Amino acid sequence: MSAQSISVYSLVKPTSRIAEIPILVGFNLLLVACAYISINLPFSPVPITGQTFGVLLIAMALGRVRGMAVVAAYLLEGAAGLPVFAGGKAGAAWLIGPTGGYLIGFLATAFIAGYLADRGWDKSYLKSVVAMTIGTAVIFVCGLAWLSGFVPNSAILATGFVPFLPGAIVKIGLAAVILPSIWKFVKR
């Protein structure tokens, strides 16, 4: 493993693939907990949740491969009927409903932000902000593209983007401070 590809995850240094399981399950539970932070909006089929924060943190902490594995497991759990989606929702219908694009966008974000973390972007505040902004943009692009099949084009931004922008900025800022701070602490 090169110096550039060391992620926060590598600090734990599991001795085997089996030893990784509790760590990955812990991150999965973090994502589920973030999903339970959910506020329904009366004018939108998409709730405000903590999921994007969880996905960004997971991708940047675990890197591309493990981050995608955790997010994929989360999506499969929800599709299989476990109450892990926003506010405890469950079932495959959520993957094909109005929020489906955002959920699939989580997987794409785990790949992209995780890839950037593998390249050391999780160690710098500025690069973390850029990586997480890119990841959040991917979630919005996937979500809005899918949502366009459920709401009129004239209402897309008002129902699937604008109300979520302030929260996205806060989530990016918070997550971008956490990871580089961990690295600075570890270097001491």
N, C-alpha and C. Protein backbone atom coordinates (compact mmCIF):
# COMPACT_ATOMS: atom_id res chain seq x y z
N MET A 1 0.86 -1.17 0.00
CA MET A 1 0.00 0.00 0.00
C MET A 1 0.90 1.23 0.00
N SER A 2 0.70 2.11 -0.94
CA SER A 2 1.54 3.30 -1.03
C SER A 2 1.11 4.32 0.02
N ALA A 3 1.97 5.28 0.27
CA ALA A 3 1.66 6.31 1.26
C ALA A 3 0.42 7.10 0.86
N GLN A 4 0.21 7.25 -0.45
CA GLN A 4 -0.96 7.99 -0.90
C GLN A 4 -2.26 7.24 -0.67
N SER A 5 -2.22 5.92 -0.68
CA SER A 5 -3.48 5.16 -0.61
C SER A 5 -3.85 4.76 0.81
N ILE A 6 -3.18 5.30 1.82
CA ILE A 6 -3.53 4.98 3.19
C ILE A 6 -4.75 5.81 3.58
N SER A 7 -5.78 5.13 4.06
CA SER A 7 -6.98 5.83 4.49
C SER A 7 -7.06 5.78 6.01
N VAL A 8 -8.00 6.52 6.57
CA VAL A 8 -8.22 6.48 8.01
C VAL A 8 -8.49 5.04 8.42
N TYR A 9 -9.16 4.31 7.57
CA TYR A 9 -9.48 2.91 7.84
C TYR A 9 -8.22 2.10 8.12
N SER A 10 -7.15 2.40 7.40
CA SER A 10 -5.92 1.61 7.55
C SER A 10 -5.28 1.79 8.92
N LEU A 11 -5.68 2.79 9.68
CA LEU A 11 -5.15 2.98 11.02
C LEU A 11 -5.51 1.81 11.93
N VAL A 12 -6.65 1.18 11.67
CA VAL A 12 -7.11 0.06 12.49
C VAL A 12 -6.32 -1.20 12.17
N LYS A 13 -5.88 -1.35 10.94
CA LYS A 13 -5.06 -2.45 10.46
C LYS A 13 -5.60 -3.83 10.86
N PRO A 14 -6.77 -4.20 10.34
CA PRO A 14 -7.28 -5.54 10.64
C PRO A 14 -6.30 -6.59 10.11
N THR A 15 -6.19 -7.67 10.84
CA THR A 15 -5.22 -8.70 10.47
C THR A 15 -5.75 -9.66 9.42
N SER A 16 -7.04 -9.65 9.17
CA SER A 16 -7.62 -10.54 8.16
C SER A 16 -8.92 -9.94 7.65
N ARG A 17 -9.43 -10.54 6.58
CA ARG A 17 -10.72 -10.08 6.04
C ARG A 17 -11.83 -10.28 7.09
N ILE A 18 -11.74 -11.32 7.87
CA ILE A 18 -12.77 -11.57 8.89
C ILE A 18 -12.68 -10.50 9.98
N ALA A 19 -11.49 -10.05 10.30
CA ALA A 19 -11.33 -9.01 11.31
C ALA A 19 -11.90 -7.68 10.83
N GLU A 20 -12.05 -7.51 9.52
CA GLU A 20 -12.62 -6.28 8.97
C GLU A 20 -14.13 -6.19 9.19
N ILE A 21 -14.77 -7.33 9.32
CA ILE A 21 -16.24 -7.37 9.36
C ILE A 21 -16.82 -6.47 10.45
N PRO A 22 -16.37 -6.54 11.70
CA PRO A 22 -16.96 -5.65 12.71
C PRO A 22 -16.78 -4.16 12.39
N ILE A 23 -15.67 -3.83 11.78
CA ILE A 23 -15.42 -2.43 11.42
C ILE A 23 -16.41 -1.99 10.34
N LEU A 24 -16.57 -2.82 9.31
CA LEU A 24 -17.49 -2.49 8.22
C LEU A 24 -18.94 -2.47 8.72
N VAL A 25 -19.28 -3.39 9.61
CA VAL A 25 -20.63 -3.39 10.19
C VAL A 25 -20.84 -2.10 10.99
N GLY A 26 -19.82 -1.67 11.71
CA GLY A 26 -19.92 -0.41 12.46
C GLY A 26 -20.20 0.78 11.56
N PHE A 27 -19.51 0.83 10.43
CA PHE A 27 -19.76 1.92 9.48
C PHE A 27 -21.16 1.79 8.86
N ASN A 28 -21.59 0.56 8.64
CA ASN A 28 -22.94 0.33 8.11
C ASN A 28 -23.97 0.85 9.11
N LEU A 29 -23.75 0.57 10.38
CA LEU A 29 -24.68 1.05 11.41
C LEU A 29 -24.65 2.57 11.52
N LEU A 30 -23.49 3.17 11.28
CA LEU A 30 -23.41 4.63 11.24
C LEU A 30 -24.32 5.18 10.13
N LEU A 31 -24.29 4.55 8.98
CA LEU A 31 -25.13 5.00 7.86
C LEU A 31 -26.61 4.83 8.20
N VAL A 32 -26.95 3.71 8.82
CA VAL A 32 -28.35 3.49 9.23
C VAL A 32 -28.78 4.56 10.23
N ALA A 33 -27.91 4.85 11.21
CA ALA A 33 -28.24 5.88 12.20
C ALA A 33 -28.44 7.24 11.52
N CYS A 34 -27.61 7.54 10.54
CA CYS A 34 -27.75 8.81 9.81
C CYS A 34 -29.07 8.86 9.05
N ALA A 35 -29.54 7.71 8.56
CA ALA A 35 -30.81 7.65 7.83
C ALA A 35 -32.00 7.94 8.75
N TYR A 36 -31.84 7.62 10.03
CA TYR A 36 -32.92 7.87 10.97
C TYR A 36 -33.04 9.34 11.33
N ILE A 37 -32.05 10.13 10.99
CA ILE A 37 -32.17 11.58 11.11
C ILE A 37 -32.89 12.03 9.85
N SER A 38 -34.18 12.21 9.94
CA SER A 38 -35.00 12.42 8.75
C SER A 38 -36.12 13.42 9.03
N ILE A 39 -36.24 14.38 8.14
CA ILE A 39 -37.30 15.40 8.24
C ILE A 39 -38.07 15.39 6.92
N ASN A 40 -39.35 15.04 6.98
CA ASN A 40 -40.19 15.07 5.79
C ASN A 40 -40.57 16.51 5.46
N LEU A 41 -40.54 16.82 4.19
CA LEU A 41 -40.93 18.14 3.72
C LEU A 41 -42.31 18.03 3.06
N PRO A 42 -43.24 18.90 3.42
CA PRO A 42 -44.60 18.77 2.87
C PRO A 42 -44.68 18.99 1.36
N PHE A 43 -43.70 19.66 0.78
CA PHE A 43 -43.74 19.98 -0.65
C PHE A 43 -42.82 19.10 -1.49
N SER A 44 -42.19 18.09 -0.87
CA SER A 44 -41.24 17.27 -1.60
C SER A 44 -41.37 15.80 -1.20
N PRO A 45 -41.23 14.90 -2.18
CA PRO A 45 -41.24 13.48 -1.83
C PRO A 45 -39.90 13.01 -1.26
N VAL A 46 -38.93 13.92 -1.19
CA VAL A 46 -37.59 13.60 -0.71
C VAL A 46 -37.40 14.23 0.67
N PRO A 47 -37.08 13.43 1.69
CA PRO A 47 -36.85 14.00 3.02
C PRO A 47 -35.43 14.53 3.17
N ILE A 48 -35.25 15.42 4.12
CA ILE A 48 -33.91 15.84 4.51
C ILE A 48 -33.41 14.78 5.49
N THR A 49 -32.22 14.24 5.23
CA THR A 49 -31.69 13.19 6.10
C THR A 49 -30.21 13.42 6.39
N GLY A 50 -29.69 12.60 7.27
CA GLY A 50 -28.26 12.61 7.56
C GLY A 50 -27.49 11.62 6.69
N GLN A 51 -28.18 10.95 5.78
CA GLN A 51 -27.54 9.91 4.97
C GLN A 51 -26.35 10.42 4.17
N THR A 52 -26.46 11.59 3.56
CA THR A 52 -25.35 12.07 2.74
C THR A 52 -24.11 12.30 3.61
N PHE A 53 -24.31 12.78 4.82
CA PHE A 53 -23.19 12.93 5.75
C PHE A 53 -22.53 11.58 5.99
N GLY A 54 -23.35 10.57 6.26
CA GLY A 54 -22.82 9.22 6.50
C GLY A 54 -22.07 8.68 5.30
N VAL A 55 -22.64 8.83 4.13
CA VAL A 55 -22.00 8.32 2.90
C VAL A 55 -20.67 9.02 2.67
N LEU A 56 -20.63 10.33 2.82
CA LEU A 56 -19.39 11.07 2.62
C LEU A 56 -18.32 10.64 3.62
N LEU A 57 -18.71 10.53 4.87
CA LEU A 57 -17.77 10.14 5.91
C LEU A 57 -17.25 8.72 5.66
N ILE A 58 -18.14 7.81 5.31
CA ILE A 58 -17.76 6.42 5.03
C ILE A 58 -16.81 6.34 3.84
N ALA A 59 -17.16 7.00 2.77
CA ALA A 59 -16.31 6.95 1.57
C ALA A 59 -14.92 7.51 1.84
N MET A 60 -14.87 8.62 2.54
CA MET A 60 -13.58 9.24 2.81
C MET A 60 -12.78 8.46 3.85
N ALA A 61 -13.44 7.82 4.80
CA ALA A 61 -12.74 7.05 5.83
C ALA A 61 -12.28 5.69 5.34
N LEU A 62 -13.10 5.05 4.50
CA LEU A 62 -12.81 3.67 4.10
C LEU A 62 -12.16 3.55 2.73
N GLY A 63 -12.29 4.58 1.92
CA GLY A 63 -11.79 4.47 0.56
C GLY A 63 -12.83 3.87 -0.37
N ARG A 64 -12.45 3.74 -1.62
CA ARG A 64 -13.38 3.33 -2.68
C ARG A 64 -13.95 1.93 -2.48
N VAL A 65 -13.13 0.95 -2.30
CA VAL A 65 -13.61 -0.44 -2.28
C VAL A 65 -14.47 -0.71 -1.05
N ARG A 66 -13.95 -0.42 0.11
CA ARG A 66 -14.71 -0.71 1.34
C ARG A 66 -15.90 0.23 1.49
N GLY A 67 -15.73 1.48 1.09
CA GLY A 67 -16.85 2.42 1.14
C GLY A 67 -18.00 1.96 0.28
N MET A 68 -17.69 1.52 -0.94
CA MET A 68 -18.74 1.00 -1.82
C MET A 68 -19.37 -0.25 -1.23
N ALA A 69 -18.58 -1.10 -0.61
CA ALA A 69 -19.12 -2.33 -0.01
C ALA A 69 -20.12 -2.00 1.09
N VAL A 70 -19.78 -1.03 1.93
CA VAL A 70 -20.69 -0.65 3.02
C VAL A 70 -21.98 -0.05 2.46
N VAL A 71 -21.87 0.82 1.47
CA VAL A 71 -23.06 1.45 0.90
C VAL A 71 -23.90 0.42 0.14
N ALA A 72 -23.26 -0.47 -0.60
CA ALA A 72 -23.99 -1.52 -1.32
C ALA A 72 -24.73 -2.42 -0.34
N ALA A 73 -24.08 -2.77 0.76
CA ALA A 73 -24.74 -3.60 1.78
C ALA A 73 -25.96 -2.87 2.34
N TYR A 74 -25.81 -1.58 2.58
CA TYR A 74 -26.90 -0.76 3.09
C TYR A 74 -28.09 -0.77 2.12
N LEU A 75 -27.81 -0.58 0.84
CA LEU A 75 -28.88 -0.58 -0.17
C LEU A 75 -29.55 -1.94 -0.26
N LEU A 76 -28.76 -3.00 -0.19
CA LEU A 76 -29.33 -4.36 -0.23
C LEU A 76 -30.16 -4.65 1.02
N GLU A 77 -29.70 -4.18 2.16
CA GLU A 77 -30.47 -4.36 3.40
C GLU A 77 -31.84 -3.70 3.28
N GLY A 78 -31.84 -2.46 2.79
CA GLY A 78 -33.11 -1.75 2.63
C GLY A 78 -34.01 -2.40 1.61
N ALA A 79 -33.43 -2.83 0.49
CA ALA A 79 -34.23 -3.49 -0.55
C ALA A 79 -34.80 -4.81 -0.04
N ALA A 80 -34.07 -5.47 0.85
CA ALA A 80 -34.53 -6.76 1.39
C ALA A 80 -35.60 -6.60 2.47
N GLY A 81 -35.87 -5.37 2.87
CA GLY A 81 -36.95 -5.14 3.83
C GLY A 81 -36.51 -4.71 5.22
N LEU A 82 -35.23 -4.54 5.44
CA LEU A 82 -34.79 -4.03 6.74
C LEU A 82 -35.06 -2.53 6.80
N PRO A 83 -35.51 -2.02 7.93
CA PRO A 83 -35.89 -0.60 8.03
C PRO A 83 -34.68 0.32 8.17
N VAL A 84 -33.91 0.44 7.09
CA VAL A 84 -32.66 1.22 7.15
C VAL A 84 -32.71 2.52 6.35
N PHE A 85 -33.71 2.68 5.51
CA PHE A 85 -33.78 3.90 4.71
C PHE A 85 -34.32 5.05 5.55
N ALA A 86 -34.41 6.22 4.98
CA ALA A 86 -34.80 7.44 5.69
C ALA A 86 -35.99 7.22 6.61
N GLY A 87 -35.80 7.53 7.88
CA GLY A 87 -36.87 7.42 8.85
C GLY A 87 -37.34 6.00 9.12
N GLY A 88 -36.55 5.00 8.78
CA GLY A 88 -36.92 3.61 9.03
C GLY A 88 -37.72 2.96 7.92
N LYS A 89 -37.73 3.56 6.75
CA LYS A 89 -38.44 2.97 5.61
C LYS A 89 -37.67 1.74 5.13
N ALA A 90 -38.39 0.87 4.43
CA ALA A 90 -37.76 -0.36 3.93
C ALA A 90 -38.44 -0.81 2.65
N GLY A 91 -37.74 -1.64 1.89
CA GLY A 91 -38.31 -2.26 0.72
C GLY A 91 -37.72 -1.73 -0.58
N ALA A 92 -37.77 -2.59 -1.59
CA ALA A 92 -37.23 -2.25 -2.91
C ALA A 92 -37.97 -1.08 -3.55
N ALA A 93 -39.21 -0.85 -3.15
CA ALA A 93 -39.98 0.26 -3.71
C ALA A 93 -39.27 1.59 -3.51
N TRP A 94 -38.50 1.73 -2.45
CA TRP A 94 -37.79 2.98 -2.19
C TRP A 94 -36.67 3.20 -3.19
N LEU A 95 -36.16 2.10 -3.75
CA LEU A 95 -35.10 2.22 -4.76
C LEU A 95 -35.65 2.63 -6.12
N ILE A 96 -36.92 2.37 -6.34
CA ILE A 96 -37.51 2.74 -7.63
C ILE A 96 -38.48 3.92 -7.51
N GLY A 97 -38.68 4.40 -6.29
CA GLY A 97 -39.54 5.55 -6.06
C GLY A 97 -38.78 6.86 -6.24
N PRO A 98 -39.38 7.97 -5.83
CA PRO A 98 -38.77 9.29 -6.05
C PRO A 98 -37.39 9.47 -5.43
N THR A 99 -37.10 8.74 -4.37
CA THR A 99 -35.79 8.89 -3.71
C THR A 99 -34.74 7.91 -4.25
N GLY A 100 -35.13 7.06 -5.17
CA GLY A 100 -34.23 6.03 -5.69
C GLY A 100 -32.95 6.56 -6.29
N GLY A 101 -33.02 7.66 -7.00
CA GLY A 101 -31.82 8.23 -7.62
C GLY A 101 -30.81 8.71 -6.59
N TYR A 102 -31.31 9.25 -5.50
CA TYR A 102 -30.41 9.69 -4.43
C TYR A 102 -29.72 8.48 -3.81
N LEU A 103 -30.51 7.42 -3.57
CA LEU A 103 -29.94 6.21 -2.97
C LEU A 103 -28.87 5.59 -3.86
N ILE A 104 -29.13 5.51 -5.16
CA ILE A 104 -28.13 4.97 -6.09
C ILE A 104 -26.94 5.93 -6.18
N GLY A 105 -27.22 7.22 -6.07
CA GLY A 105 -26.15 8.21 -6.06
C GLY A 105 -25.19 8.01 -4.89
N PHE A 106 -25.68 7.43 -3.79
CA PHE A 106 -24.81 7.14 -2.65
C PHE A 106 -23.70 6.17 -3.07
N LEU A 107 -24.05 5.19 -3.88
CA LEU A 107 -23.06 4.20 -4.32
C LEU A 107 -22.03 4.86 -5.24
N ALA A 108 -22.49 5.68 -6.16
CA ALA A 108 -21.57 6.39 -7.05
C ALA A 108 -20.66 7.33 -6.26
N THR A 109 -21.21 7.97 -5.25
CA THR A 109 -20.41 8.86 -4.40
C THR A 109 -19.38 8.08 -3.60
N ALA A 110 -19.76 6.91 -3.11
CA ALA A 110 -18.80 6.08 -2.37
C ALA A 110 -17.61 5.74 -3.27
N PHE A 111 -17.89 5.50 -4.55
CA PHE A 111 -16.81 5.20 -5.49
C PHE A 111 -15.93 6.44 -5.71
N ILE A 112 -16.55 7.56 -6.04
CA ILE A 112 -15.79 8.76 -6.41
C ILE A 112 -15.07 9.38 -5.22
N ALA A 113 -15.79 9.64 -4.13
CA ALA A 113 -15.15 10.24 -2.95
C ALA A 113 -14.15 9.25 -2.34
N GLY A 114 -14.48 7.96 -2.37
CA GLY A 114 -13.55 6.95 -1.87
C GLY A 114 -12.29 6.88 -2.69
N TYR A 115 -12.42 7.01 -3.99
CA TYR A 115 -11.26 7.04 -4.88
C TYR A 115 -10.36 8.23 -4.53
N LEU A 116 -10.97 9.39 -4.31
CA LEU A 116 -10.19 10.57 -3.95
C LEU A 116 -9.52 10.39 -2.58
N ALA A 117 -10.23 9.77 -1.65
CA ALA A 117 -9.63 9.49 -0.34
C ALA A 117 -8.44 8.55 -0.48
N ASP A 118 -8.57 7.56 -1.36
CA ASP A 118 -7.45 6.64 -1.61
C ASP A 118 -6.23 7.38 -2.14
N ARG A 119 -6.45 8.54 -2.72
CA ARG A 119 -5.36 9.35 -3.27
C ARG A 119 -4.88 10.40 -2.26
N GLY A 120 -5.36 10.32 -1.02
CA GLY A 120 -4.89 11.23 0.03
C GLY A 120 -5.70 12.48 0.24
N TRP A 121 -6.84 12.61 -0.42
CA TRP A 121 -7.66 13.82 -0.30
C TRP A 121 -8.32 13.94 1.07
N ASP A 122 -8.30 12.89 1.86
CA ASP A 122 -8.91 12.93 3.19
C ASP A 122 -7.99 13.58 4.23
N LYS A 123 -6.79 13.90 3.86
CA LYS A 123 -5.81 14.44 4.80
C LYS A 123 -5.74 15.97 4.80
N SER A 124 -6.36 16.59 3.85
CA SER A 124 -6.33 18.04 3.70
C SER A 124 -7.75 18.59 3.82
N TYR A 125 -7.90 19.67 4.59
CA TYR A 125 -9.23 20.27 4.73
C TYR A 125 -9.78 20.69 3.37
N LEU A 126 -8.97 21.39 2.59
CA LEU A 126 -9.44 21.88 1.30
C LEU A 126 -9.77 20.73 0.36
N LYS A 127 -8.88 19.76 0.24
CA LYS A 127 -9.16 18.63 -0.65
C LYS A 127 -10.34 17.82 -0.16
N SER A 128 -10.53 17.70 1.16
CA SER A 128 -11.71 17.00 1.69
C SER A 128 -12.99 17.71 1.28
N VAL A 129 -12.97 19.04 1.40
CA VAL A 129 -14.16 19.81 1.00
C VAL A 129 -14.44 19.61 -0.49
N VAL A 130 -13.40 19.66 -1.31
CA VAL A 130 -13.59 19.48 -2.75
C VAL A 130 -14.11 18.07 -3.04
N ALA A 131 -13.51 17.04 -2.44
CA ALA A 131 -13.94 15.66 -2.67
C ALA A 131 -15.39 15.46 -2.25
N MET A 132 -15.76 16.01 -1.11
CA MET A 132 -17.13 15.83 -0.62
C MET A 132 -18.12 16.68 -1.40
N THR A 133 -17.69 17.81 -1.91
CA THR A 133 -18.56 18.61 -2.77
C THR A 133 -18.83 17.86 -4.08
N ILE A 134 -17.79 17.27 -4.63
CA ILE A 134 -17.97 16.45 -5.83
C ILE A 134 -18.92 15.29 -5.53
N GLY A 135 -18.70 14.61 -4.40
CA GLY A 135 -19.57 13.50 -4.02
C GLY A 135 -21.02 13.93 -3.85
N THR A 136 -21.22 15.08 -3.21
CA THR A 136 -22.58 15.59 -3.01
C THR A 136 -23.21 15.96 -4.35
N ALA A 137 -22.42 16.54 -5.25
CA ALA A 137 -22.93 16.88 -6.58
C ALA A 137 -23.38 15.62 -7.32
N VAL A 138 -22.64 14.55 -7.16
CA VAL A 138 -23.01 13.27 -7.80
C VAL A 138 -24.35 12.78 -7.25
N ILE A 139 -24.52 12.88 -5.94
CA ILE A 139 -25.80 12.47 -5.34
C ILE A 139 -26.94 13.31 -5.90
N PHE A 140 -26.73 14.62 -5.99
CA PHE A 140 -27.77 15.51 -6.52
C PHE A 140 -28.07 15.21 -8.00
N VAL A 141 -27.04 15.00 -8.79
CA VAL A 141 -27.26 14.71 -10.22
C VAL A 141 -28.07 13.43 -10.39
N CYS A 142 -27.66 12.38 -9.69
CA CYS A 142 -28.40 11.10 -9.77
C CYS A 142 -29.83 11.27 -9.24
N GLY A 143 -29.94 11.95 -8.10
CA GLY A 143 -31.25 12.13 -7.49
C GLY A 143 -32.20 12.96 -8.34
N LEU A 144 -31.70 14.08 -8.86
CA LEU A 144 -32.54 14.95 -9.67
C LEU A 144 -32.93 14.30 -11.00
N ALA A 145 -31.99 13.56 -11.59
CA ALA A 145 -32.30 12.87 -12.85
C ALA A 145 -33.43 11.88 -12.64
N TRP A 146 -33.37 11.14 -11.54
CA TRP A 146 -34.41 10.14 -11.25
C TRP A 146 -35.71 10.82 -10.83
N LEU A 147 -35.60 11.84 -9.99
CA LEU A 147 -36.77 12.56 -9.51
C LEU A 147 -37.57 13.19 -10.65
N SER A 148 -36.90 13.50 -11.76
CA SER A 148 -37.58 14.12 -12.90
C SER A 148 -38.67 13.22 -13.48
N GLY A 149 -38.62 11.96 -13.17
CA GLY A 149 -39.67 11.05 -13.60
C GLY A 149 -40.91 11.09 -12.69
N PHE A 150 -40.81 11.83 -11.60
CA PHE A 150 -41.90 11.86 -10.61
C PHE A 150 -42.51 13.24 -10.38
N VAL A 151 -41.77 14.28 -10.69
CA VAL A 151 -42.28 15.64 -10.50
C VAL A 151 -42.09 16.42 -11.80
N PRO A 152 -42.89 17.44 -12.02
CA PRO A 152 -42.73 18.24 -13.24
C PRO A 152 -41.34 18.89 -13.29
N ASN A 153 -40.80 19.03 -14.48
CA ASN A 153 -39.48 19.63 -14.65
C ASN A 153 -39.38 21.02 -14.00
N SER A 154 -40.48 21.75 -14.02
CA SER A 154 -40.46 23.09 -13.44
C SER A 154 -40.31 23.06 -11.92
N ALA A 155 -40.57 21.90 -11.30
CA ALA A 155 -40.50 21.79 -9.84
C ALA A 155 -39.28 21.01 -9.35
N ILE A 156 -38.45 20.52 -10.26
CA ILE A 156 -37.31 19.67 -9.87
C ILE A 156 -36.41 20.35 -8.85
N LEU A 157 -35.94 21.53 -9.16
CA LEU A 157 -35.00 22.20 -8.26
C LEU A 157 -35.65 22.57 -6.93
N ALA A 158 -36.92 22.97 -6.96
CA ALA A 158 -37.61 23.37 -5.74
C ALA A 158 -37.93 22.18 -4.84
N THR A 159 -38.06 20.99 -5.41
CA THR A 159 -38.41 19.82 -4.59
C THR A 159 -37.22 18.90 -4.30
N GLY A 160 -36.16 18.99 -5.11
CA GLY A 160 -35.08 18.04 -4.93
C GLY A 160 -33.69 18.62 -4.76
N PHE A 161 -33.56 19.96 -4.78
CA PHE A 161 -32.23 20.55 -4.67
C PHE A 161 -32.17 21.72 -3.69
N VAL A 162 -32.91 22.77 -3.96
CA VAL A 162 -32.81 24.01 -3.19
C VAL A 162 -33.01 23.79 -1.69
N PRO A 163 -34.03 23.04 -1.24
CA PRO A 163 -34.21 22.87 0.21
C PRO A 163 -33.08 22.09 0.87
N PHE A 164 -32.31 21.36 0.07
CA PHE A 164 -31.27 20.49 0.62
C PHE A 164 -29.88 21.14 0.58
N LEU A 165 -29.76 22.24 -0.10
CA LEU A 165 -28.46 22.88 -0.27
C LEU A 165 -27.84 23.36 1.05
N PRO A 166 -28.58 24.06 1.92
CA PRO A 166 -27.96 24.49 3.19
C PRO A 166 -27.47 23.29 4.02
N GLY A 167 -28.26 22.25 4.09
CA GLY A 167 -27.85 21.06 4.83
C GLY A 167 -26.64 20.39 4.21
N ALA A 168 -26.58 20.39 2.89
CA ALA A 168 -25.43 19.79 2.20
C ALA A 168 -24.15 20.54 2.55
N ILE A 169 -24.24 21.84 2.62
CA ILE A 169 -23.07 22.65 2.97
C ILE A 169 -22.61 22.34 4.39
N VAL A 170 -23.55 22.22 5.31
CA VAL A 170 -23.22 21.90 6.70
C VAL A 170 -22.61 20.49 6.79
N LYS A 171 -23.20 19.52 6.10
CA LYS A 171 -22.69 18.14 6.13
C LYS A 171 -21.29 18.05 5.55
N ILE A 172 -21.06 18.72 4.44
CA ILE A 172 -19.73 18.72 3.82
C ILE A 172 -18.72 19.35 4.78
N GLY A 173 -19.09 20.48 5.34
CA GLY A 173 -18.18 21.16 6.27
C GLY A 173 -17.84 20.31 7.48
N LEU A 174 -18.85 19.70 8.06
CA LEU A 174 -18.63 18.87 9.25
C LEU A 174 -17.77 17.65 8.92
N ALA A 175 -18.13 16.94 7.87
CA ALA A 175 -17.38 15.75 7.49
C ALA A 175 -15.96 16.11 7.06
N ALA A 176 -15.80 17.24 6.39
CA ALA A 176 -14.46 17.64 5.91
C ALA A 176 -13.55 18.06 7.06
N VAL A 177 -14.12 18.45 8.18
CA VAL A 177 -13.31 18.80 9.35
C VAL A 177 -12.92 17.53 10.11
N ILE A 178 -13.81 16.57 10.16
CA ILE A 178 -13.57 15.36 10.96
C ILE A 178 -12.35 14.58 10.47
N LEU A 179 -12.30 14.24 9.20
CA LEU A 179 -11.23 13.35 8.72
C LEU A 179 -9.84 13.98 8.76
N PRO A 180 -9.62 15.16 8.23
CA PRO A 180 -8.28 15.73 8.35
C PRO A 180 -7.87 15.94 9.81
N SER A 181 -8.85 16.23 10.67
CA SER A 181 -8.54 16.39 12.09
C SER A 181 -8.04 15.08 12.69
N ILE A 182 -8.63 13.98 12.28
CA ILE A 182 -8.16 12.67 12.74
C ILE A 182 -6.71 12.47 12.31
N TRP A 183 -6.41 12.80 11.06
CA TRP A 183 -5.04 12.65 10.57
C TRP A 183 -4.07 13.52 11.35
N LYS A 184 -4.46 14.76 11.65
CA LYS A 184 -3.58 15.65 12.41
C LYS A 184 -3.35 15.10 13.82
N PHE A 185 -4.40 14.54 14.42
CA PHE A 185 -4.27 13.93 15.74
C PHE A 185 -3.35 12.72 15.69
N VAL A 186 -3.51 11.90 14.68
CA VAL A 186 -2.71 10.68 14.54
C VAL A 186 -1.23 11.03 14.33
N LYS A 187 -0.95 12.10 13.60
CA LYS A 187 0.45 12.48 13.36
C LYS A 187 1.16 12.88 14.65
N ARG A 188 0.41 13.35 15.64
CA ARG A 188 1.01 13.69 16.93
C ARG A 188 1.39 12.42 17.62
